[in-house]
């Protein structure tokens, strides 16, 4: 658990665009050997959810939101030395944002959770065209594919991506998640066999450990 005063100081610095102060908080937590999943959930995920809510309520600008996202994206790199030290199992996951989806922090964290649990987490980033995703899956032959969606207006792009993956790779396990599903849309993915909605990082980790 991250102390509340430390989280609030981090959030204040993040919203002010103070990259060094944010970095100092993250490095300080890493120096205490904080559990990485705690760092992902209680600092990175929590702060980005709060930034998103502030933007949705017009309390910060798009520029503020983009700056906070950029800082968070860079800070995730600080975790990599500890992340990649985990013993790997030879299993692979391909994680991607849906086509026309430009919010990639959530997907990046999901790929890192796979790495933390000994998988190779291939994160393809934002706005991944369906055909290129399919070609990469064919090349890598992953055990699991995950698609992330942050904006509910992009749901049609997501379902099209599901259809492409399931047509080309009918037996592959497909995981779906993201903040967009706060507004609904879960029923639209249930009709695809072998497609599972993941609502939290804890749920994701439990699924990974069961494989």
N, C-alpha and C. Protein backbone atom coordinates (compact mmCIF):
# COMPACT_ATOMS: atom_id res chain seq x y z
N UNK A 1 0.84 -1.20 0.00
CA UNK A 1 0.00 0.00 0.00
C UNK A 1 0.88 1.25 0.00
N UNK A 2 0.57 2.18 -0.87
CA UNK A 2 1.29 3.44 -0.93
C UNK A 2 0.60 4.45 -0.01
N UNK A 3 1.37 5.11 0.83
CA UNK A 3 0.79 6.06 1.77
C UNK A 3 0.07 7.18 1.01
N UNK A 4 -1.08 7.59 1.57
CA UNK A 4 -1.94 8.55 0.87
C UNK A 4 -1.23 9.87 0.61
N UNK A 5 -0.47 10.36 1.57
CA UNK A 5 0.20 11.65 1.38
C UNK A 5 1.22 11.57 0.24
N UNK A 6 1.87 10.41 0.11
CA UNK A 6 2.83 10.25 -0.97
C UNK A 6 2.12 10.20 -2.32
N UNK A 7 0.98 9.50 -2.36
CA UNK A 7 0.21 9.47 -3.60
C UNK A 7 -0.26 10.86 -3.99
N UNK A 8 -0.78 11.63 -3.04
CA UNK A 8 -1.29 12.96 -3.34
C UNK A 8 -0.17 13.89 -3.82
N UNK A 9 1.00 13.77 -3.23
CA UNK A 9 2.15 14.56 -3.70
C UNK A 9 2.51 14.20 -5.13
N UNK A 10 2.47 12.90 -5.41
CA UNK A 10 2.76 12.44 -6.77
C UNK A 10 1.73 12.97 -7.75
N UNK A 11 0.45 12.85 -7.40
CA UNK A 11 -0.61 13.32 -8.29
C UNK A 11 -0.50 14.82 -8.55
N UNK A 12 -0.22 15.58 -7.50
CA UNK A 12 -0.07 17.03 -7.66
C UNK A 12 1.08 17.35 -8.62
N UNK A 13 2.20 16.65 -8.47
CA UNK A 13 3.34 16.87 -9.36
C UNK A 13 3.01 16.43 -10.78
N UNK A 14 2.28 15.33 -10.91
CA UNK A 14 1.91 14.83 -12.24
C UNK A 14 1.04 15.84 -12.97
N UNK A 15 0.05 16.38 -12.28
CA UNK A 15 -0.85 17.36 -12.90
C UNK A 15 -0.14 18.68 -13.22
N UNK A 16 0.92 18.96 -12.47
CA UNK A 16 1.69 20.18 -12.72
C UNK A 16 2.78 19.97 -13.77
N UNK A 17 2.91 18.73 -14.24
CA UNK A 17 3.91 18.44 -15.25
C UNK A 17 5.33 18.40 -14.72
N UNK A 18 5.49 18.16 -13.42
CA UNK A 18 6.81 18.14 -12.79
C UNK A 18 7.39 16.73 -12.88
N UNK A 19 8.02 16.47 -13.99
CA UNK A 19 8.52 15.12 -14.30
C UNK A 19 9.54 14.62 -13.27
N UNK A 20 10.48 15.48 -12.88
CA UNK A 20 11.52 15.05 -11.95
C UNK A 20 10.93 14.67 -10.60
N UNK A 21 9.98 15.44 -10.10
CA UNK A 21 9.36 15.10 -8.82
C UNK A 21 8.64 13.77 -8.90
N UNK A 22 7.96 13.54 -10.01
CA UNK A 22 7.27 12.26 -10.19
C UNK A 22 8.29 11.12 -10.24
N UNK A 23 9.37 11.36 -10.96
CA UNK A 23 10.41 10.34 -11.06
C UNK A 23 11.00 10.02 -9.70
N UNK A 24 11.22 11.04 -8.90
CA UNK A 24 11.80 10.82 -7.57
C UNK A 24 10.88 9.97 -6.70
N UNK A 25 9.58 10.19 -6.81
CA UNK A 25 8.63 9.37 -6.04
C UNK A 25 8.71 7.92 -6.47
N UNK A 26 8.68 7.69 -7.78
CA UNK A 26 8.71 6.32 -8.29
C UNK A 26 10.01 5.63 -7.94
N UNK A 27 11.15 6.32 -8.14
CA UNK A 27 12.44 5.71 -7.82
C UNK A 27 12.55 5.42 -6.33
N UNK A 28 12.02 6.32 -5.51
CA UNK A 28 12.05 6.10 -4.07
C UNK A 28 11.27 4.85 -3.68
N UNK A 29 10.13 4.64 -4.30
CA UNK A 29 9.34 3.44 -4.03
C UNK A 29 10.06 2.19 -4.51
N UNK A 30 10.68 2.27 -5.67
CA UNK A 30 11.45 1.12 -6.18
C UNK A 30 12.62 0.81 -5.26
N UNK A 31 13.23 1.84 -4.68
CA UNK A 31 14.36 1.62 -3.78
C UNK A 31 13.94 0.92 -2.49
N UNK A 32 12.65 0.99 -2.15
CA UNK A 32 12.15 0.27 -0.97
C UNK A 32 11.71 -1.15 -1.32
N UNK A 33 11.95 -1.55 -2.57
CA UNK A 33 11.55 -2.88 -3.05
C UNK A 33 10.03 -3.08 -2.97
N UNK A 34 9.31 -2.04 -3.31
CA UNK A 34 7.85 -2.14 -3.34
C UNK A 34 7.43 -3.23 -4.32
N UNK A 35 6.36 -3.93 -3.99
CA UNK A 35 5.83 -4.92 -4.92
C UNK A 35 5.41 -4.21 -6.19
N UNK A 36 5.85 -4.70 -7.33
CA UNK A 36 5.61 -3.98 -8.58
C UNK A 36 4.13 -3.87 -8.90
N UNK A 37 3.36 -4.90 -8.59
CA UNK A 37 1.93 -4.82 -8.87
C UNK A 37 1.28 -3.69 -8.05
N UNK A 38 1.75 -3.50 -6.82
CA UNK A 38 1.25 -2.39 -6.00
C UNK A 38 1.56 -1.06 -6.66
N UNK A 39 2.78 -0.93 -7.20
CA UNK A 39 3.15 0.29 -7.89
C UNK A 39 2.26 0.52 -9.11
N UNK A 40 2.01 -0.52 -9.88
CA UNK A 40 1.15 -0.41 -11.05
C UNK A 40 -0.27 0.04 -10.68
N UNK A 41 -0.84 -0.61 -9.65
CA UNK A 41 -2.25 -0.37 -9.32
C UNK A 41 -2.43 0.90 -8.50
N UNK A 42 -1.64 1.05 -7.43
CA UNK A 42 -1.88 2.11 -6.45
C UNK A 42 -1.26 3.44 -6.82
N UNK A 43 -0.35 3.44 -7.79
CA UNK A 43 0.23 4.72 -8.22
C UNK A 43 -0.11 5.02 -9.67
N UNK A 44 0.37 4.19 -10.60
CA UNK A 44 0.18 4.47 -12.02
C UNK A 44 -1.29 4.40 -12.42
N UNK A 45 -1.94 3.28 -12.13
CA UNK A 45 -3.33 3.12 -12.56
C UNK A 45 -4.24 4.11 -11.85
N UNK A 46 -4.09 4.23 -10.54
CA UNK A 46 -4.96 5.13 -9.79
C UNK A 46 -4.83 6.56 -10.28
N UNK A 47 -3.60 7.02 -10.48
CA UNK A 47 -3.40 8.42 -10.89
C UNK A 47 -3.93 8.66 -12.30
N UNK A 48 -3.76 7.69 -13.20
CA UNK A 48 -4.25 7.89 -14.56
C UNK A 48 -5.77 7.86 -14.60
N UNK A 49 -6.39 7.03 -13.78
CA UNK A 49 -7.85 7.05 -13.70
C UNK A 49 -8.33 8.41 -13.20
N UNK A 50 -7.62 8.96 -12.21
CA UNK A 50 -8.03 10.26 -11.66
C UNK A 50 -7.81 11.37 -12.69
N UNK A 51 -6.71 11.31 -13.42
CA UNK A 51 -6.48 12.28 -14.49
C UNK A 51 -7.59 12.20 -15.53
N UNK A 52 -7.98 10.98 -15.90
CA UNK A 52 -9.06 10.81 -16.86
C UNK A 52 -10.37 11.40 -16.39
N UNK A 53 -10.68 11.20 -15.11
CA UNK A 53 -11.92 11.76 -14.55
C UNK A 53 -11.88 13.28 -14.51
N UNK A 54 -10.73 13.84 -14.19
CA UNK A 54 -10.61 15.30 -14.19
C UNK A 54 -10.82 15.87 -15.59
N UNK A 55 -10.28 15.17 -16.59
CA UNK A 55 -10.46 15.61 -17.97
C UNK A 55 -11.93 15.49 -18.39
N UNK A 56 -12.55 14.36 -18.04
CA UNK A 56 -13.96 14.16 -18.41
C UNK A 56 -14.86 15.23 -17.80
N UNK A 57 -14.48 15.72 -16.63
CA UNK A 57 -15.28 16.74 -15.94
C UNK A 57 -14.80 18.16 -16.22
N UNK A 58 -13.94 18.30 -17.26
CA UNK A 58 -13.46 19.62 -17.70
C UNK A 58 -12.72 20.39 -16.61
N UNK A 59 -12.05 19.64 -15.73
CA UNK A 59 -11.27 20.29 -14.67
C UNK A 59 -9.80 20.42 -15.05
N UNK A 60 -9.38 19.72 -16.09
CA UNK A 60 -8.06 19.91 -16.68
C UNK A 60 -8.23 19.91 -18.19
N UNK A 61 -7.24 20.39 -18.89
CA UNK A 61 -7.31 20.48 -20.34
C UNK A 61 -6.77 19.21 -20.98
N UNK A 62 -6.98 19.11 -22.29
CA UNK A 62 -6.40 18.00 -23.05
C UNK A 62 -4.88 18.04 -22.93
N UNK A 63 -4.30 19.23 -22.94
CA UNK A 63 -2.85 19.37 -22.80
C UNK A 63 -2.37 18.80 -21.46
N UNK A 64 -3.10 19.12 -20.39
CA UNK A 64 -2.74 18.57 -19.08
C UNK A 64 -2.80 17.04 -19.08
N UNK A 65 -3.86 16.51 -19.69
CA UNK A 65 -4.03 15.05 -19.74
C UNK A 65 -2.93 14.40 -20.55
N UNK A 66 -2.58 15.00 -21.68
CA UNK A 66 -1.52 14.44 -22.52
C UNK A 66 -0.17 14.50 -21.82
N UNK A 67 0.10 15.57 -21.10
CA UNK A 67 1.37 15.68 -20.39
C UNK A 67 1.46 14.64 -19.28
N UNK A 68 0.39 14.47 -18.52
CA UNK A 68 0.38 13.46 -17.46
C UNK A 68 0.58 12.07 -18.04
N UNK A 69 -0.03 11.81 -19.18
CA UNK A 69 0.13 10.51 -19.84
C UNK A 69 1.56 10.31 -20.30
N UNK A 70 2.15 11.34 -20.87
CA UNK A 70 3.53 11.25 -21.35
C UNK A 70 4.49 10.98 -20.20
N UNK A 71 4.30 11.67 -19.08
CA UNK A 71 5.16 11.46 -17.92
C UNK A 71 5.02 10.03 -17.39
N UNK A 72 3.78 9.57 -17.28
CA UNK A 72 3.53 8.21 -16.78
C UNK A 72 4.16 7.17 -17.69
N UNK A 73 4.03 7.38 -18.99
CA UNK A 73 4.62 6.46 -19.96
C UNK A 73 6.12 6.35 -19.75
N UNK A 74 6.78 7.48 -19.53
CA UNK A 74 8.23 7.46 -19.34
C UNK A 74 8.61 6.82 -18.01
N UNK A 75 7.79 7.01 -16.99
CA UNK A 75 8.11 6.47 -15.67
C UNK A 75 7.98 4.95 -15.62
N UNK A 76 7.14 4.40 -16.47
CA UNK A 76 7.01 2.95 -16.52
C UNK A 76 8.35 2.29 -16.89
N UNK A 77 9.19 3.03 -17.61
CA UNK A 77 10.49 2.47 -17.99
C UNK A 77 11.40 2.23 -16.79
N UNK A 78 11.17 2.96 -15.68
CA UNK A 78 11.99 2.77 -14.49
C UNK A 78 11.80 1.38 -13.89
N UNK A 79 10.66 0.78 -14.17
CA UNK A 79 10.32 -0.51 -13.59
C UNK A 79 11.03 -1.66 -14.31
N UNK A 80 11.47 -1.43 -15.53
CA UNK A 80 11.90 -2.54 -16.38
C UNK A 80 13.05 -3.38 -15.84
N UNK A 81 14.08 -2.79 -15.20
CA UNK A 81 15.14 -3.66 -14.68
C UNK A 81 14.63 -4.74 -13.72
N UNK A 82 13.71 -4.36 -12.83
CA UNK A 82 13.14 -5.34 -11.90
C UNK A 82 12.15 -6.25 -12.62
N UNK A 83 11.43 -5.70 -13.56
CA UNK A 83 10.40 -6.45 -14.27
C UNK A 83 10.99 -7.60 -15.07
N UNK A 84 12.04 -7.32 -15.80
CA UNK A 84 12.61 -8.32 -16.69
C UNK A 84 13.55 -9.29 -15.97
N UNK A 85 13.73 -9.09 -14.66
CA UNK A 85 14.54 -10.02 -13.89
C UNK A 85 13.77 -11.28 -13.51
N UNK A 86 12.46 -11.27 -13.72
CA UNK A 86 11.64 -12.43 -13.36
C UNK A 86 12.00 -13.64 -14.23
N UNK A 87 11.94 -14.82 -13.62
CA UNK A 87 12.14 -16.05 -14.39
C UNK A 87 11.02 -16.21 -15.40
N UNK A 88 11.39 -16.51 -16.64
CA UNK A 88 10.38 -16.61 -17.70
C UNK A 88 10.03 -18.06 -18.01
N UNK A 89 8.79 -18.26 -18.44
CA UNK A 89 8.21 -19.58 -18.59
C UNK A 89 8.12 -20.04 -20.04
N UNK A 90 8.49 -19.16 -20.98
CA UNK A 90 8.39 -19.51 -22.38
C UNK A 90 7.03 -19.26 -22.99
N UNK A 91 6.12 -18.64 -22.21
CA UNK A 91 4.80 -18.30 -22.73
C UNK A 91 4.80 -16.86 -23.22
N UNK A 92 3.92 -16.58 -24.17
CA UNK A 92 3.92 -15.26 -24.82
C UNK A 92 2.52 -14.67 -24.88
N UNK A 93 2.45 -13.36 -24.68
CA UNK A 93 1.20 -12.62 -24.82
C UNK A 93 1.44 -11.44 -25.75
N UNK A 94 0.50 -11.21 -26.66
CA UNK A 94 0.52 -10.03 -27.52
C UNK A 94 -0.59 -9.10 -27.06
N UNK A 95 -0.22 -7.89 -26.66
CA UNK A 95 -1.17 -6.91 -26.15
C UNK A 95 -1.16 -5.70 -27.06
N UNK A 96 -2.35 -5.21 -27.40
CA UNK A 96 -2.45 -4.10 -28.33
C UNK A 96 -3.66 -3.24 -27.99
N UNK A 97 -3.56 -1.96 -28.30
CA UNK A 97 -4.74 -1.11 -28.29
C UNK A 97 -5.54 -1.37 -29.57
N UNK A 98 -6.82 -1.15 -29.49
CA UNK A 98 -7.67 -1.32 -30.66
C UNK A 98 -7.34 -0.27 -31.72
N UNK A 99 -7.72 -0.53 -32.94
CA UNK A 99 -7.58 0.47 -34.00
C UNK A 99 -8.31 1.75 -33.59
N UNK A 100 -7.71 2.89 -33.85
CA UNK A 100 -8.24 4.21 -33.54
C UNK A 100 -8.27 4.49 -32.03
N UNK A 101 -7.56 3.68 -31.25
CA UNK A 101 -7.47 3.88 -29.80
C UNK A 101 -6.05 4.38 -29.49
N UNK A 102 -5.98 5.59 -28.93
CA UNK A 102 -4.67 6.24 -28.74
C UNK A 102 -4.23 6.30 -27.28
N UNK A 103 -5.01 5.74 -26.38
CA UNK A 103 -4.64 5.73 -24.96
C UNK A 103 -3.97 4.39 -24.66
N UNK A 104 -2.65 4.40 -24.48
CA UNK A 104 -1.92 3.15 -24.44
C UNK A 104 -1.36 2.76 -23.08
N UNK A 105 -1.51 3.60 -22.06
CA UNK A 105 -0.93 3.29 -20.76
C UNK A 105 -1.48 1.99 -20.19
N UNK A 106 -2.80 1.81 -20.27
CA UNK A 106 -3.42 0.60 -19.73
C UNK A 106 -2.89 -0.66 -20.39
N UNK A 107 -2.79 -0.64 -21.71
CA UNK A 107 -2.28 -1.79 -22.43
C UNK A 107 -0.83 -2.08 -22.09
N UNK A 108 -0.05 -1.02 -21.93
CA UNK A 108 1.35 -1.18 -21.58
C UNK A 108 1.49 -1.82 -20.20
N UNK A 109 0.67 -1.41 -19.26
CA UNK A 109 0.71 -2.01 -17.92
C UNK A 109 0.30 -3.48 -17.97
N UNK A 110 -0.69 -3.80 -18.78
CA UNK A 110 -1.11 -5.20 -18.92
C UNK A 110 0.05 -6.05 -19.43
N UNK A 111 0.76 -5.57 -20.44
CA UNK A 111 1.91 -6.31 -20.95
C UNK A 111 2.97 -6.47 -19.85
N UNK A 112 3.13 -5.45 -19.02
CA UNK A 112 4.10 -5.53 -17.93
C UNK A 112 3.66 -6.55 -16.87
N UNK A 113 2.37 -6.66 -16.63
CA UNK A 113 1.88 -7.66 -15.68
C UNK A 113 2.20 -9.07 -16.19
N UNK A 114 2.08 -9.28 -17.48
CA UNK A 114 2.47 -10.57 -18.05
C UNK A 114 3.96 -10.81 -17.81
N UNK A 115 4.80 -9.80 -18.07
CA UNK A 115 6.24 -9.92 -17.84
C UNK A 115 6.53 -10.23 -16.37
N UNK A 116 5.83 -9.56 -15.48
CA UNK A 116 6.02 -9.75 -14.05
C UNK A 116 5.74 -11.19 -13.64
N UNK A 117 4.86 -11.85 -14.39
CA UNK A 117 4.49 -13.23 -14.08
C UNK A 117 5.21 -14.23 -14.97
N UNK A 118 6.32 -13.80 -15.59
CA UNK A 118 7.18 -14.73 -16.28
C UNK A 118 6.85 -14.99 -17.74
N UNK A 119 5.98 -14.18 -18.32
CA UNK A 119 5.65 -14.30 -19.74
C UNK A 119 6.46 -13.27 -20.53
N UNK A 120 6.53 -13.48 -21.83
CA UNK A 120 7.01 -12.44 -22.73
C UNK A 120 5.80 -11.60 -23.15
N UNK A 121 5.79 -10.35 -22.73
CA UNK A 121 4.65 -9.47 -23.04
C UNK A 121 4.98 -8.56 -24.19
N UNK A 122 4.45 -8.84 -25.36
CA UNK A 122 4.70 -8.03 -26.55
C UNK A 122 3.62 -6.94 -26.64
N UNK A 123 4.01 -5.69 -26.36
CA UNK A 123 3.04 -4.60 -26.44
C UNK A 123 3.22 -3.85 -27.74
N UNK A 124 2.15 -3.77 -28.53
CA UNK A 124 2.21 -3.19 -29.87
C UNK A 124 1.82 -1.72 -29.93
N UNK A 125 1.35 -1.16 -28.81
CA UNK A 125 1.08 0.26 -28.77
C UNK A 125 -0.32 0.64 -29.21
N UNK A 126 -0.47 1.92 -29.53
CA UNK A 126 -1.77 2.50 -29.84
C UNK A 126 -2.13 2.32 -31.31
N UNK A 127 -3.45 2.36 -31.57
CA UNK A 127 -3.98 2.44 -32.94
C UNK A 127 -3.39 1.36 -33.84
N UNK A 128 -3.54 0.11 -33.45
CA UNK A 128 -2.96 -0.98 -34.23
C UNK A 128 -3.95 -1.44 -35.30
N UNK A 129 -3.59 -1.33 -36.58
CA UNK A 129 -4.47 -1.83 -37.65
C UNK A 129 -4.71 -3.33 -37.50
N UNK A 130 -5.94 -3.75 -37.81
CA UNK A 130 -6.32 -5.14 -37.60
C UNK A 130 -5.43 -6.11 -38.38
N UNK A 131 -5.16 -5.77 -39.62
CA UNK A 131 -4.39 -6.68 -40.47
C UNK A 131 -2.96 -6.84 -39.96
N UNK A 132 -2.36 -5.75 -39.49
CA UNK A 132 -1.00 -5.83 -38.96
C UNK A 132 -0.97 -6.62 -37.65
N UNK A 133 -1.99 -6.46 -36.83
CA UNK A 133 -2.09 -7.26 -35.61
C UNK A 133 -2.15 -8.73 -35.96
N UNK A 134 -2.96 -9.08 -36.93
CA UNK A 134 -3.09 -10.47 -37.34
C UNK A 134 -1.77 -11.03 -37.84
N UNK A 135 -1.05 -10.25 -38.62
CA UNK A 135 0.24 -10.71 -39.13
C UNK A 135 1.25 -10.92 -37.99
N UNK A 136 1.21 -10.05 -37.01
CA UNK A 136 2.15 -10.19 -35.90
C UNK A 136 1.82 -11.43 -35.07
N UNK A 137 0.54 -11.69 -34.87
CA UNK A 137 0.13 -12.89 -34.15
C UNK A 137 0.63 -14.14 -34.87
N UNK A 138 0.50 -14.15 -36.18
CA UNK A 138 0.97 -15.28 -36.96
C UNK A 138 2.48 -15.45 -36.81
N UNK A 139 3.19 -14.35 -36.75
CA UNK A 139 4.65 -14.40 -36.63
C UNK A 139 5.11 -14.88 -35.26
N UNK A 140 4.48 -14.38 -34.20
CA UNK A 140 4.94 -14.64 -32.83
C UNK A 140 4.34 -15.92 -32.25
N UNK A 141 3.12 -16.27 -32.68
CA UNK A 141 2.39 -17.44 -32.16
C UNK A 141 2.23 -17.37 -30.64
N UNK A 142 1.53 -16.34 -30.16
CA UNK A 142 1.38 -16.17 -28.71
C UNK A 142 0.37 -17.16 -28.12
N UNK A 143 0.43 -17.30 -26.80
CA UNK A 143 -0.56 -18.12 -26.09
C UNK A 143 -1.84 -17.34 -25.83
N UNK A 144 -1.71 -16.01 -25.73
CA UNK A 144 -2.84 -15.14 -25.40
C UNK A 144 -2.70 -13.84 -26.18
N UNK A 145 -3.83 -13.27 -26.59
CA UNK A 145 -3.87 -11.94 -27.19
C UNK A 145 -4.78 -11.06 -26.34
N UNK A 146 -4.37 -9.83 -26.09
CA UNK A 146 -5.20 -8.90 -25.34
C UNK A 146 -5.42 -7.62 -26.12
N UNK A 147 -6.66 -7.11 -26.08
CA UNK A 147 -7.00 -5.85 -26.74
C UNK A 147 -7.54 -4.87 -25.70
N UNK A 148 -7.04 -3.63 -25.76
CA UNK A 148 -7.41 -2.60 -24.80
C UNK A 148 -8.25 -1.51 -25.46
N UNK A 149 -9.28 -1.06 -24.72
CA UNK A 149 -10.17 -0.01 -25.23
C UNK A 149 -10.44 1.00 -24.12
N UNK A 150 -10.15 2.27 -24.39
CA UNK A 150 -10.36 3.32 -23.39
C UNK A 150 -11.55 4.21 -23.69
N UNK A 151 -11.91 4.33 -24.96
CA UNK A 151 -13.00 5.22 -25.37
C UNK A 151 -14.14 4.39 -25.95
N UNK A 152 -15.31 4.47 -25.36
CA UNK A 152 -16.43 3.62 -25.77
C UNK A 152 -16.86 3.90 -27.21
N UNK A 153 -16.61 5.09 -27.71
CA UNK A 153 -16.95 5.41 -29.10
C UNK A 153 -16.19 4.55 -30.09
N UNK A 154 -15.09 3.93 -29.64
CA UNK A 154 -14.30 3.07 -30.51
C UNK A 154 -14.70 1.60 -30.42
N UNK A 155 -15.84 1.32 -29.81
CA UNK A 155 -16.25 -0.07 -29.61
C UNK A 155 -16.38 -0.84 -30.92
N UNK A 156 -16.88 -0.20 -31.96
CA UNK A 156 -17.01 -0.89 -33.25
C UNK A 156 -15.65 -1.32 -33.79
N UNK A 157 -14.63 -0.48 -33.60
CA UNK A 157 -13.29 -0.87 -34.01
C UNK A 157 -12.78 -2.07 -33.22
N UNK A 158 -13.11 -2.09 -31.95
CA UNK A 158 -12.70 -3.23 -31.12
C UNK A 158 -13.37 -4.52 -31.59
N UNK A 159 -14.68 -4.48 -31.81
CA UNK A 159 -15.37 -5.71 -32.22
C UNK A 159 -14.89 -6.17 -33.59
N UNK A 160 -14.54 -5.23 -34.45
CA UNK A 160 -13.97 -5.61 -35.74
C UNK A 160 -12.62 -6.31 -35.53
N UNK A 161 -11.82 -5.81 -34.59
CA UNK A 161 -10.55 -6.44 -34.28
C UNK A 161 -10.74 -7.84 -33.73
N UNK A 162 -11.73 -8.00 -32.86
CA UNK A 162 -12.04 -9.34 -32.33
C UNK A 162 -12.39 -10.29 -33.47
N UNK A 163 -13.23 -9.81 -34.38
CA UNK A 163 -13.65 -10.66 -35.50
C UNK A 163 -12.47 -11.08 -36.37
N UNK A 164 -11.54 -10.15 -36.61
CA UNK A 164 -10.37 -10.48 -37.41
C UNK A 164 -9.51 -11.53 -36.71
N UNK A 165 -9.24 -11.31 -35.43
CA UNK A 165 -8.40 -12.25 -34.68
C UNK A 165 -9.07 -13.62 -34.61
N UNK A 166 -10.36 -13.64 -34.33
CA UNK A 166 -11.05 -14.92 -34.16
C UNK A 166 -11.24 -15.64 -35.49
N UNK A 167 -11.32 -14.90 -36.56
CA UNK A 167 -11.41 -15.54 -37.88
C UNK A 167 -10.08 -16.19 -38.26
N UNK A 168 -9.00 -15.46 -38.01
CA UNK A 168 -7.68 -15.96 -38.39
C UNK A 168 -7.11 -16.96 -37.38
N UNK A 169 -7.51 -16.82 -36.10
CA UNK A 169 -6.97 -17.68 -35.05
C UNK A 169 -8.11 -18.10 -34.11
N UNK A 170 -8.98 -18.97 -34.56
CA UNK A 170 -10.20 -19.29 -33.81
C UNK A 170 -9.95 -19.91 -32.45
N UNK A 171 -8.80 -20.52 -32.23
CA UNK A 171 -8.55 -21.22 -30.97
C UNK A 171 -7.75 -20.42 -29.96
N UNK A 172 -7.37 -19.20 -30.32
CA UNK A 172 -6.54 -18.42 -29.41
C UNK A 172 -7.40 -17.77 -28.32
N UNK A 173 -6.84 -17.68 -27.11
CA UNK A 173 -7.53 -16.99 -26.02
C UNK A 173 -7.40 -15.49 -26.23
N UNK A 174 -8.52 -14.78 -26.15
CA UNK A 174 -8.54 -13.34 -26.39
C UNK A 174 -9.08 -12.63 -25.16
N UNK A 175 -8.28 -11.72 -24.60
CA UNK A 175 -8.65 -10.96 -23.42
C UNK A 175 -8.98 -9.53 -23.81
N UNK A 176 -10.06 -9.00 -23.24
CA UNK A 176 -10.52 -7.64 -23.54
C UNK A 176 -10.62 -6.86 -22.24
N UNK A 177 -10.13 -5.61 -22.25
CA UNK A 177 -10.26 -4.78 -21.05
C UNK A 177 -10.11 -3.31 -21.40
N UNK A 178 -10.24 -2.47 -20.36
CA UNK A 178 -10.07 -1.04 -20.56
C UNK A 178 -11.15 -0.21 -19.91
N UNK A 179 -10.85 1.06 -19.73
CA UNK A 179 -11.76 1.98 -19.07
C UNK A 179 -13.06 2.22 -19.83
N UNK A 180 -13.06 1.94 -21.12
CA UNK A 180 -14.27 2.18 -21.92
C UNK A 180 -15.47 1.41 -21.37
N UNK A 181 -15.22 0.27 -20.76
CA UNK A 181 -16.32 -0.60 -20.34
C UNK A 181 -17.01 -0.12 -19.07
N UNK A 182 -16.55 0.99 -18.52
CA UNK A 182 -17.34 1.64 -17.46
C UNK A 182 -18.68 2.11 -18.00
N UNK A 183 -18.74 2.34 -19.31
CA UNK A 183 -19.94 2.91 -19.93
C UNK A 183 -20.78 1.83 -20.63
N UNK A 184 -20.43 0.58 -20.43
CA UNK A 184 -21.18 -0.51 -21.08
C UNK A 184 -20.36 -1.16 -22.17
N UNK A 185 -21.03 -2.01 -22.95
CA UNK A 185 -20.37 -2.64 -24.08
C UNK A 185 -19.89 -4.05 -23.83
N UNK A 186 -19.94 -4.50 -22.58
CA UNK A 186 -19.44 -5.84 -22.28
C UNK A 186 -20.24 -6.91 -23.01
N UNK A 187 -21.55 -6.71 -23.09
CA UNK A 187 -22.39 -7.72 -23.76
C UNK A 187 -22.01 -7.90 -25.23
N UNK A 188 -21.46 -6.86 -25.83
CA UNK A 188 -21.15 -6.94 -27.26
C UNK A 188 -19.96 -7.84 -27.54
N UNK A 189 -19.16 -8.16 -26.53
CA UNK A 189 -18.02 -9.04 -26.75
C UNK A 189 -18.29 -10.47 -26.28
N UNK A 190 -19.38 -10.66 -25.54
CA UNK A 190 -19.67 -11.99 -25.00
C UNK A 190 -20.08 -12.98 -26.07
N UNK A 191 -20.49 -12.48 -27.23
CA UNK A 191 -20.94 -13.40 -28.28
C UNK A 191 -19.78 -14.06 -29.01
N UNK A 192 -18.57 -13.67 -28.70
CA UNK A 192 -17.40 -14.25 -29.36
C UNK A 192 -16.79 -15.35 -28.48
N UNK A 193 -16.84 -16.60 -28.91
CA UNK A 193 -16.27 -17.69 -28.09
C UNK A 193 -14.78 -17.47 -27.84
N UNK A 194 -14.36 -17.85 -26.64
CA UNK A 194 -12.95 -17.72 -26.30
C UNK A 194 -12.49 -16.31 -26.05
N UNK A 195 -13.46 -15.40 -25.84
CA UNK A 195 -13.15 -13.99 -25.58
C UNK A 195 -13.61 -13.65 -24.17
N UNK A 196 -12.70 -13.14 -23.34
CA UNK A 196 -12.98 -12.91 -21.93
C UNK A 196 -12.74 -11.45 -21.58
N UNK A 197 -13.71 -10.85 -20.88
CA UNK A 197 -13.55 -9.49 -20.38
C UNK A 197 -12.81 -9.54 -19.04
N UNK A 198 -11.75 -8.74 -18.91
CA UNK A 198 -10.96 -8.65 -17.69
C UNK A 198 -11.19 -7.27 -17.08
N UNK A 199 -11.69 -7.25 -15.85
CA UNK A 199 -12.10 -5.98 -15.25
C UNK A 199 -11.04 -5.31 -14.39
N UNK A 200 -9.97 -6.05 -14.03
CA UNK A 200 -8.97 -5.47 -13.14
C UNK A 200 -7.64 -6.19 -13.32
N UNK A 201 -6.57 -5.56 -12.84
CA UNK A 201 -5.26 -6.19 -12.91
C UNK A 201 -5.17 -7.40 -11.99
N UNK A 202 -5.88 -7.36 -10.86
CA UNK A 202 -5.91 -8.54 -9.98
C UNK A 202 -6.56 -9.72 -10.70
N UNK A 203 -7.66 -9.46 -11.39
CA UNK A 203 -8.32 -10.52 -12.15
C UNK A 203 -7.40 -11.04 -13.25
N UNK A 204 -6.68 -10.14 -13.90
CA UNK A 204 -5.74 -10.56 -14.94
C UNK A 204 -4.66 -11.45 -14.35
N UNK A 205 -4.09 -11.06 -13.24
CA UNK A 205 -3.02 -11.86 -12.65
C UNK A 205 -3.52 -13.24 -12.22
N UNK A 206 -4.72 -13.30 -11.69
CA UNK A 206 -5.29 -14.60 -11.30
C UNK A 206 -5.44 -15.49 -12.54
N UNK A 207 -5.87 -14.90 -13.65
CA UNK A 207 -6.01 -15.68 -14.88
C UNK A 207 -4.65 -16.17 -15.36
N UNK A 208 -3.65 -15.29 -15.33
CA UNK A 208 -2.31 -15.67 -15.77
C UNK A 208 -1.77 -16.83 -14.93
N UNK A 209 -1.95 -16.76 -13.63
CA UNK A 209 -1.43 -17.79 -12.74
C UNK A 209 -2.13 -19.12 -12.95
N UNK A 210 -3.34 -19.07 -13.53
CA UNK A 210 -4.07 -20.30 -13.80
C UNK A 210 -3.69 -20.97 -15.10
N UNK A 211 -2.80 -20.32 -15.88
CA UNK A 211 -2.41 -20.86 -17.18
C UNK A 211 -1.05 -21.58 -17.11
